[in-house]
Amino acid sequence: MADLRTLLAAGLGVLLGIICLLAPDAVVRGHTVGRRPHDRSGEYGTDATAPDRYRLLVRAVGVGCLLAGGYFGYVALA
């Protein structure tokens, strides 16, 4: 019998992994909400993209979450 908490952890891990892999800019932007911009250049209404280093880190965390979710799902159903 599969434990409900383990299945929920698997689903959450897979969901967070997919979000981190598909939208790393949104994850970085959501993490940095409320912080003052370090530069004031650019036109009004333009959005700067996240640095490549941050996007790569978010994608790596997404792969880790996806792997952890897959492992929890395997353990729960096996």
Protein backbone atom coordinates (compact mmCIF):
# COMPACT_ATOMS: atom_id res chain seq x y z
CA MET A 1 0.00 0.00 0.00
CA ALA A 2 1.40 3.37 -1.03
CA ASP A 3 1.82 5.93 1.71
CA LEU A 4 -0.06 9.13 0.93
CA ARG A 5 2.69 11.43 2.19
CA THR A 6 5.29 9.71 0.05
CA LEU A 7 3.09 10.01 -3.03
CA LEU A 8 2.51 13.70 -2.30
CA ALA A 9 6.27 14.22 -1.89
CA ALA A 10 6.83 12.50 -5.23
CA GLY A 11 4.24 14.67 -6.95
CA LEU A 12 5.64 17.85 -5.41
CA GLY A 13 9.19 16.93 -6.39
CA VAL A 14 8.21 16.20 -9.98
CA LEU A 15 6.13 19.39 -10.19
CA LEU A 16 8.90 21.60 -8.80
CA GLY A 17 11.43 19.92 -11.07
CA ILE A 18 9.32 20.58 -14.16
CA ILE A 19 8.74 24.19 -13.17
CA CYS A 20 12.45 24.77 -12.57
CA LEU A 21 13.37 23.18 -15.89
CA LEU A 22 10.74 24.93 -18.00
CA ALA A 23 10.76 28.41 -16.45
CA PRO A 24 14.07 29.16 -14.70
CA ASP A 25 13.68 32.92 -15.28
CA ALA A 26 10.35 32.94 -13.45
CA VAL A 27 11.87 31.04 -10.53
CA VAL A 28 14.76 33.51 -10.25
CA ARG A 29 12.39 36.47 -10.57
CA GLY A 30 10.10 35.03 -7.89
CA HIS A 31 13.06 34.45 -5.59
CA THR A 32 14.31 38.02 -5.93
CA VAL A 33 10.96 39.83 -5.54
CA GLY A 34 11.21 42.91 -3.35
CA ARG A 35 14.94 43.41 -3.68
CA ARG A 36 16.24 46.67 -5.00
CA PRO A 37 17.68 46.64 -8.52
CA HIS A 38 21.44 46.91 -8.67
CA ASP A 39 21.36 49.10 -11.73
CA ARG A 40 18.93 51.79 -12.82
CA SER A 41 19.64 51.72 -16.55
CA GLY A 42 17.23 50.72 -19.28
CA GLU A 43 13.87 51.81 -20.55
CA TYR A 44 10.77 51.95 -18.37
CA GLY A 45 8.93 48.65 -18.43
CA THR A 46 11.79 46.50 -19.70
CA ASP A 47 12.68 43.33 -17.87
CA ALA A 48 16.22 42.14 -17.58
CA THR A 49 16.81 38.42 -17.97
CA ALA A 50 18.42 36.45 -15.20
CA PRO A 51 22.14 35.77 -15.52
CA ASP A 52 23.06 32.46 -17.14
CA ARG A 53 24.73 31.29 -13.92
CA TYR A 54 21.46 31.59 -11.97
CA ARG A 55 19.42 29.89 -14.68
CA LEU A 56 21.88 27.01 -14.80
CA LEU A 57 21.71 26.65 -11.01
CA VAL A 58 17.89 26.63 -11.07
CA ARG A 59 17.90 23.99 -13.81
CA ALA A 60 20.31 21.85 -11.78
CA VAL A 61 18.01 22.12 -8.76
CA GLY A 62 15.11 21.19 -11.06
CA VAL A 63 16.89 18.03 -12.18
CA GLY A 64 17.56 17.16 -8.54
CA CYS A 65 13.91 17.68 -7.61
CA LEU A 66 12.80 15.61 -10.57
CA LEU A 67 15.12 12.77 -9.61
CA ALA A 68 14.04 12.93 -5.96
CA GLY A 69 10.37 12.92 -6.96
CA GLY A 70 10.95 9.93 -9.22
CA TYR A 71 12.74 8.09 -6.42
CA PHE A 72 9.96 8.80 -3.92
CA GLY A 73 7.37 7.66 -6.42
CA TYR A 74 9.31 4.46 -7.09
CA VAL A 75 9.67 3.75 -3.37
CA ALA A 76 5.99 4.45 -2.72
CA LEU A 77 4.74 2.20 -5.50
CA ALA A 78 7.30 -0.61 -5.20
